[in-house]
């Protein structure tokens, strides 16, 4: 990973996918899903807490990636992510701040452990 990145978390990598770069967006409930512009989804890395897996279902196949602070490889979110071939970090332990619009890089090269980083000074929104 680039030296311009600040690691802000780790988690369980659902499947090896190399480096995935996109724009962070927190989804807290159904209204967040309904308010997103469909044109932005292919660049969006969705950040969700435990309940996120259910309300993300309508947009999940269109997302660049997902980071969830809960879940396991056997969870509903994991199954949907695998079926849709959407990179996913589960049980993420976030040690730094991630804001909507931040450029985020997921290092998914290790088949077990994912690293979550934010690009330094690269707020895009």
N, C-alpha and C. Protein backbone atom coordinates (compact mmCIF):
# COMPACT_ATOMS: atom_id res chain seq x y z
N UNK A 1 0.83 -1.19 0.00
CA UNK A 1 0.00 0.00 0.00
C UNK A 1 0.87 1.24 0.00
N UNK A 2 0.28 2.31 -0.47
CA UNK A 2 0.99 3.57 -0.61
C UNK A 2 1.33 4.19 0.73
N UNK A 3 2.42 4.99 0.76
CA UNK A 3 2.82 5.69 1.96
C UNK A 3 1.89 6.84 2.30
N UNK A 4 0.98 7.21 1.39
CA UNK A 4 0.02 8.30 1.63
C UNK A 4 -1.23 7.82 2.35
N UNK A 5 -1.20 6.59 2.85
CA UNK A 5 -2.37 6.00 3.50
C UNK A 5 -2.16 5.91 5.00
N UNK A 6 -3.27 6.07 5.72
CA UNK A 6 -3.26 5.91 7.17
C UNK A 6 -4.17 4.75 7.52
N UNK A 7 -3.61 3.70 8.10
CA UNK A 7 -4.42 2.54 8.46
C UNK A 7 -5.37 2.91 9.59
N UNK A 8 -6.65 2.59 9.41
CA UNK A 8 -7.67 2.93 10.41
C UNK A 8 -8.45 1.71 10.89
N UNK A 9 -8.03 0.52 10.45
CA UNK A 9 -8.74 -0.65 10.93
C UNK A 9 -8.32 -1.93 10.24
N UNK A 10 -8.78 -3.03 10.83
CA UNK A 10 -8.57 -4.36 10.26
C UNK A 10 -9.86 -5.15 10.44
N UNK A 11 -9.95 -6.26 9.73
CA UNK A 11 -11.13 -7.10 9.86
C UNK A 11 -10.92 -8.42 9.14
N UNK A 12 -11.97 -9.20 9.09
CA UNK A 12 -11.96 -10.49 8.41
C UNK A 12 -12.22 -10.24 6.93
N UNK A 13 -11.33 -10.73 6.09
CA UNK A 13 -11.49 -10.59 4.64
C UNK A 13 -12.37 -11.73 4.13
N UNK A 14 -13.44 -11.39 3.44
CA UNK A 14 -14.34 -12.41 2.92
C UNK A 14 -13.69 -13.22 1.80
N UNK A 15 -13.00 -12.54 0.88
CA UNK A 15 -12.25 -13.23 -0.18
C UNK A 15 -11.17 -12.29 -0.70
N UNK A 16 -10.07 -12.88 -1.17
CA UNK A 16 -8.96 -12.09 -1.68
C UNK A 16 -9.40 -11.32 -2.93
N UNK A 17 -9.15 -10.00 -2.93
CA UNK A 17 -9.56 -9.16 -4.04
C UNK A 17 -8.53 -8.08 -4.35
N UNK A 18 -7.33 -8.20 -3.79
CA UNK A 18 -6.30 -7.20 -4.05
C UNK A 18 -6.63 -5.88 -3.36
N UNK A 19 -6.29 -4.78 -4.02
CA UNK A 19 -6.56 -3.45 -3.47
C UNK A 19 -7.86 -2.91 -4.04
N UNK A 20 -8.74 -2.45 -3.18
CA UNK A 20 -10.02 -1.87 -3.59
C UNK A 20 -10.05 -0.45 -3.06
N UNK A 21 -10.21 0.51 -3.97
CA UNK A 21 -10.20 1.93 -3.62
C UNK A 21 -11.57 2.52 -3.97
N UNK A 22 -12.11 3.32 -3.05
CA UNK A 22 -13.40 3.95 -3.31
C UNK A 22 -13.66 5.07 -2.33
N UNK A 23 -14.89 5.54 -2.33
CA UNK A 23 -15.32 6.65 -1.50
C UNK A 23 -16.21 6.12 -0.37
N UNK A 24 -15.84 6.47 0.86
CA UNK A 24 -16.57 5.99 2.04
C UNK A 24 -17.94 6.64 2.15
N UNK A 25 -18.89 5.83 2.55
CA UNK A 25 -20.22 6.35 2.91
C UNK A 25 -20.80 5.46 3.98
N UNK A 26 -21.21 6.09 5.09
CA UNK A 26 -21.85 5.36 6.18
C UNK A 26 -23.33 5.20 5.88
N UNK A 27 -23.84 3.99 6.07
CA UNK A 27 -25.26 3.69 5.93
C UNK A 27 -25.75 3.24 7.30
N UNK A 28 -26.65 4.03 7.89
CA UNK A 28 -27.16 3.73 9.22
C UNK A 28 -28.55 3.13 9.22
N UNK A 29 -29.32 3.41 8.18
CA UNK A 29 -30.67 2.87 8.10
C UNK A 29 -31.18 2.93 6.67
N UNK A 30 -32.42 2.49 6.46
CA UNK A 30 -33.02 2.42 5.14
C UNK A 30 -33.04 3.77 4.43
N UNK A 31 -33.25 4.84 5.17
CA UNK A 31 -33.32 6.16 4.53
C UNK A 31 -32.00 6.53 3.85
N UNK A 32 -30.87 6.07 4.41
CA UNK A 32 -29.58 6.32 3.77
C UNK A 32 -29.47 5.60 2.43
N UNK A 33 -30.01 4.40 2.35
CA UNK A 33 -30.00 3.64 1.10
C UNK A 33 -30.90 4.32 0.08
N UNK A 34 -32.07 4.77 0.50
CA UNK A 34 -33.01 5.40 -0.42
C UNK A 34 -32.53 6.74 -0.94
N UNK A 35 -31.65 7.41 -0.19
CA UNK A 35 -31.21 8.75 -0.59
C UNK A 35 -29.98 8.76 -1.49
N UNK A 36 -29.35 7.62 -1.73
CA UNK A 36 -28.11 7.61 -2.51
C UNK A 36 -28.41 7.73 -4.00
N UNK A 37 -27.54 8.44 -4.70
CA UNK A 37 -27.61 8.56 -6.15
C UNK A 37 -27.02 7.29 -6.75
N UNK A 38 -27.82 6.59 -7.53
CA UNK A 38 -27.37 5.32 -8.12
C UNK A 38 -26.08 5.46 -8.91
N UNK A 39 -25.82 6.64 -9.48
CA UNK A 39 -24.61 6.86 -10.27
C UNK A 39 -23.35 6.78 -9.43
N UNK A 40 -23.46 6.97 -8.12
CA UNK A 40 -22.30 6.97 -7.24
C UNK A 40 -21.96 5.60 -6.67
N UNK A 41 -22.82 4.63 -6.86
CA UNK A 41 -22.64 3.34 -6.18
C UNK A 41 -21.38 2.60 -6.59
N UNK A 42 -20.99 2.68 -7.86
CA UNK A 42 -19.84 1.90 -8.31
C UNK A 42 -18.53 2.39 -7.71
N UNK A 43 -18.52 3.57 -7.10
CA UNK A 43 -17.34 4.10 -6.41
C UNK A 43 -17.48 4.04 -4.89
N UNK A 44 -18.63 3.60 -4.40
CA UNK A 44 -18.94 3.65 -2.97
C UNK A 44 -18.48 2.42 -2.22
N UNK A 45 -17.74 2.67 -1.14
CA UNK A 45 -17.46 1.61 -0.17
C UNK A 45 -18.38 1.89 1.02
N UNK A 46 -19.34 1.00 1.21
CA UNK A 46 -20.35 1.18 2.26
C UNK A 46 -19.78 0.76 3.61
N UNK A 47 -20.00 1.59 4.61
CA UNK A 47 -19.63 1.28 5.99
C UNK A 47 -20.93 1.12 6.77
N UNK A 48 -21.06 -0.02 7.46
CA UNK A 48 -22.29 -0.32 8.20
C UNK A 48 -21.94 -0.96 9.54
N UNK A 49 -22.90 -0.83 10.45
CA UNK A 49 -22.80 -1.53 11.72
C UNK A 49 -23.63 -2.80 11.62
N UNK A 50 -23.90 -3.44 12.69
CA UNK A 50 -24.53 -4.76 12.72
C UNK A 50 -25.78 -4.89 11.85
N UNK A 51 -26.67 -3.94 11.90
CA UNK A 51 -27.93 -4.07 11.17
C UNK A 51 -27.84 -3.82 9.70
N UNK A 52 -26.69 -3.46 9.21
CA UNK A 52 -26.55 -3.03 7.82
C UNK A 52 -26.85 -4.06 6.76
N UNK A 53 -26.61 -5.31 7.09
CA UNK A 53 -26.72 -6.31 6.06
C UNK A 53 -28.10 -6.39 5.42
N UNK A 54 -29.17 -6.17 6.17
CA UNK A 54 -30.52 -6.31 5.62
C UNK A 54 -30.88 -5.14 4.72
N UNK A 55 -30.68 -3.91 5.18
CA UNK A 55 -31.14 -2.79 4.37
C UNK A 55 -30.21 -2.46 3.21
N UNK A 56 -29.02 -3.03 3.15
CA UNK A 56 -28.12 -2.83 2.02
C UNK A 56 -28.48 -3.71 0.81
N UNK A 57 -29.29 -4.72 1.03
CA UNK A 57 -29.58 -5.70 -0.02
C UNK A 57 -29.95 -5.12 -1.38
N UNK A 58 -30.80 -4.08 -1.47
CA UNK A 58 -31.17 -3.56 -2.79
C UNK A 58 -30.01 -2.95 -3.58
N UNK A 59 -29.00 -2.43 -2.91
CA UNK A 59 -27.90 -1.77 -3.61
C UNK A 59 -26.60 -2.56 -3.56
N UNK A 60 -26.56 -3.63 -2.79
CA UNK A 60 -25.33 -4.37 -2.55
C UNK A 60 -24.59 -4.76 -3.84
N UNK A 61 -25.25 -5.29 -4.87
CA UNK A 61 -24.51 -5.71 -6.07
C UNK A 61 -23.81 -4.56 -6.80
N UNK A 62 -24.23 -3.33 -6.55
CA UNK A 62 -23.67 -2.18 -7.25
C UNK A 62 -22.54 -1.49 -6.51
N UNK A 63 -22.27 -1.90 -5.28
CA UNK A 63 -21.25 -1.24 -4.46
C UNK A 63 -19.84 -1.67 -4.85
N UNK A 64 -18.87 -0.79 -4.62
CA UNK A 64 -17.46 -1.11 -4.83
C UNK A 64 -16.97 -2.08 -3.76
N UNK A 65 -17.46 -1.91 -2.51
CA UNK A 65 -17.07 -2.76 -1.40
C UNK A 65 -17.89 -2.45 -0.17
N UNK A 66 -17.74 -3.29 0.87
CA UNK A 66 -18.49 -3.12 2.11
C UNK A 66 -17.54 -3.36 3.29
N UNK A 67 -17.69 -2.54 4.32
CA UNK A 67 -16.99 -2.75 5.58
C UNK A 67 -18.06 -2.77 6.67
N UNK A 68 -18.13 -3.87 7.41
CA UNK A 68 -19.13 -4.03 8.46
C UNK A 68 -18.44 -4.29 9.79
N UNK A 69 -18.89 -3.61 10.83
CA UNK A 69 -18.26 -3.77 12.14
C UNK A 69 -18.72 -5.04 12.86
N UNK A 70 -19.54 -5.84 12.22
CA UNK A 70 -20.00 -7.11 12.79
C UNK A 70 -19.94 -8.17 11.71
N UNK A 71 -20.49 -9.33 12.00
CA UNK A 71 -20.61 -10.37 10.99
C UNK A 71 -19.48 -11.37 10.97
N UNK A 72 -19.73 -12.47 10.25
CA UNK A 72 -18.75 -13.54 10.08
C UNK A 72 -18.87 -14.04 8.64
N UNK A 73 -18.00 -14.96 8.28
CA UNK A 73 -18.03 -15.51 6.92
C UNK A 73 -19.32 -16.29 6.63
N UNK A 74 -20.07 -16.62 7.67
CA UNK A 74 -21.33 -17.35 7.49
C UNK A 74 -22.55 -16.45 7.60
N UNK A 75 -22.35 -15.16 7.78
CA UNK A 75 -23.47 -14.23 7.97
C UNK A 75 -24.22 -13.97 6.66
N UNK A 76 -25.40 -13.41 6.80
CA UNK A 76 -26.23 -13.07 5.65
C UNK A 76 -25.48 -12.11 4.72
N UNK A 77 -24.82 -11.11 5.29
CA UNK A 77 -24.07 -10.15 4.48
C UNK A 77 -22.96 -10.86 3.70
N UNK A 78 -22.26 -11.79 4.32
CA UNK A 78 -21.19 -12.52 3.64
C UNK A 78 -21.73 -13.33 2.47
N UNK A 79 -22.85 -13.99 2.67
CA UNK A 79 -23.44 -14.79 1.60
C UNK A 79 -23.82 -13.90 0.42
N UNK A 80 -24.50 -12.80 0.69
CA UNK A 80 -24.89 -11.89 -0.39
C UNK A 80 -23.68 -11.27 -1.09
N UNK A 81 -22.65 -10.93 -0.33
CA UNK A 81 -21.45 -10.34 -0.92
C UNK A 81 -20.74 -11.33 -1.83
N UNK A 82 -20.63 -12.57 -1.39
CA UNK A 82 -20.01 -13.60 -2.24
C UNK A 82 -20.81 -13.81 -3.52
N UNK A 83 -22.13 -13.91 -3.38
CA UNK A 83 -22.98 -14.13 -4.56
C UNK A 83 -22.89 -12.98 -5.54
N UNK A 84 -22.71 -11.77 -5.03
CA UNK A 84 -22.64 -10.58 -5.88
C UNK A 84 -21.20 -10.23 -6.26
N UNK A 85 -20.23 -10.97 -5.74
CA UNK A 85 -18.81 -10.72 -5.99
C UNK A 85 -18.41 -9.30 -5.57
N UNK A 86 -18.93 -8.87 -4.41
CA UNK A 86 -18.61 -7.56 -3.85
C UNK A 86 -17.64 -7.76 -2.69
N UNK A 87 -16.44 -7.17 -2.77
CA UNK A 87 -15.48 -7.31 -1.67
C UNK A 87 -16.08 -6.84 -0.35
N UNK A 88 -15.76 -7.57 0.72
CA UNK A 88 -16.39 -7.29 2.00
C UNK A 88 -15.43 -7.56 3.16
N UNK A 89 -15.39 -6.61 4.09
CA UNK A 89 -14.63 -6.75 5.33
C UNK A 89 -15.65 -6.92 6.45
N UNK A 90 -15.49 -7.98 7.24
CA UNK A 90 -16.43 -8.28 8.32
C UNK A 90 -15.74 -8.13 9.66
N UNK A 91 -16.53 -7.95 10.70
CA UNK A 91 -16.02 -7.81 12.07
C UNK A 91 -14.89 -6.79 12.12
N UNK A 92 -15.07 -5.69 11.39
CA UNK A 92 -14.03 -4.66 11.31
C UNK A 92 -13.85 -3.95 12.64
N UNK A 93 -12.61 -3.83 13.05
CA UNK A 93 -12.25 -3.04 14.23
C UNK A 93 -11.64 -1.75 13.72
N UNK A 94 -12.42 -0.68 13.78
CA UNK A 94 -11.97 0.61 13.27
C UNK A 94 -11.33 1.40 14.40
N UNK A 95 -10.07 1.72 14.22
CA UNK A 95 -9.30 2.43 15.24
C UNK A 95 -9.13 3.90 14.90
N UNK A 96 -9.54 4.29 13.71
CA UNK A 96 -9.44 5.68 13.28
C UNK A 96 -10.76 6.13 12.71
N UNK A 97 -10.85 7.43 12.45
CA UNK A 97 -12.09 8.02 11.95
C UNK A 97 -12.20 7.85 10.44
N UNK A 98 -13.39 7.49 10.00
CA UNK A 98 -13.72 7.41 8.58
C UNK A 98 -14.99 8.24 8.39
N UNK A 99 -14.88 9.26 7.53
CA UNK A 99 -16.01 10.15 7.29
C UNK A 99 -16.56 9.93 5.89
N UNK A 100 -17.84 10.24 5.70
CA UNK A 100 -18.41 10.21 4.37
C UNK A 100 -17.56 11.07 3.45
N UNK A 101 -17.24 10.54 2.28
CA UNK A 101 -16.45 11.27 1.30
C UNK A 101 -14.97 10.99 1.35
N UNK A 102 -14.47 10.36 2.42
CA UNK A 102 -13.05 10.01 2.48
C UNK A 102 -12.72 8.97 1.40
N UNK A 103 -11.54 9.11 0.83
CA UNK A 103 -11.05 8.07 -0.07
C UNK A 103 -10.49 6.95 0.79
N UNK A 104 -11.04 5.76 0.60
CA UNK A 104 -10.70 4.61 1.42
C UNK A 104 -10.04 3.54 0.55
N UNK A 105 -9.04 2.87 1.11
CA UNK A 105 -8.38 1.77 0.42
C UNK A 105 -8.50 0.52 1.30
N UNK A 106 -9.03 -0.53 0.71
CA UNK A 106 -9.12 -1.82 1.38
C UNK A 106 -8.02 -2.71 0.79
N UNK A 107 -7.12 -3.18 1.65
CA UNK A 107 -6.11 -4.13 1.22
C UNK A 107 -6.66 -5.52 1.49
N UNK A 108 -7.10 -6.17 0.43
CA UNK A 108 -7.75 -7.48 0.53
C UNK A 108 -6.90 -8.56 -0.12
N UNK A 109 -5.58 -8.35 -0.11
CA UNK A 109 -4.68 -9.32 -0.74
C UNK A 109 -4.47 -10.56 0.11
N UNK A 110 -4.58 -10.42 1.44
CA UNK A 110 -4.47 -11.58 2.33
C UNK A 110 -5.84 -12.25 2.40
N UNK A 111 -5.92 -13.55 2.21
CA UNK A 111 -7.23 -14.21 2.21
C UNK A 111 -7.93 -14.24 3.56
N UNK A 112 -7.23 -13.92 4.64
CA UNK A 112 -7.82 -13.96 5.97
C UNK A 112 -8.09 -12.58 6.56
N UNK A 113 -7.10 -11.70 6.48
CA UNK A 113 -7.16 -10.41 7.17
C UNK A 113 -7.19 -9.25 6.19
N UNK A 114 -8.11 -8.34 6.42
CA UNK A 114 -8.23 -7.14 5.60
C UNK A 114 -7.69 -5.95 6.37
N UNK A 115 -7.12 -5.01 5.63
CA UNK A 115 -6.67 -3.75 6.22
C UNK A 115 -7.47 -2.63 5.60
N UNK A 116 -7.93 -1.70 6.44
CA UNK A 116 -8.71 -0.55 6.01
C UNK A 116 -7.89 0.70 6.22
N UNK A 117 -7.71 1.49 5.16
CA UNK A 117 -6.91 2.72 5.26
C UNK A 117 -7.65 3.88 4.62
N UNK A 118 -7.28 5.08 5.05
CA UNK A 118 -7.82 6.31 4.48
C UNK A 118 -6.65 7.03 3.81
N UNK A 119 -6.89 7.55 2.61
CA UNK A 119 -5.88 8.31 1.89
C UNK A 119 -5.70 9.65 2.58
N UNK A 120 -4.46 10.01 2.86
CA UNK A 120 -4.14 11.26 3.58
C UNK A 120 -4.60 12.47 2.77
N UNK A 121 -5.40 13.31 3.40
CA UNK A 121 -5.83 14.55 2.78
C UNK A 121 -6.69 14.38 1.54
N UNK A 122 -7.28 13.23 1.36
CA UNK A 122 -8.00 12.95 0.12
C UNK A 122 -9.50 12.86 0.35
N UNK A 123 -10.06 13.84 1.00
CA UNK A 123 -11.52 13.87 1.15
C UNK A 123 -12.11 14.28 -0.18
N UNK A 124 -13.04 13.47 -0.69
CA UNK A 124 -13.56 13.70 -2.03
C UNK A 124 -14.93 14.35 -2.05
N UNK A 125 -15.57 14.50 -0.91
CA UNK A 125 -16.91 15.10 -0.92
C UNK A 125 -16.95 16.35 -0.08
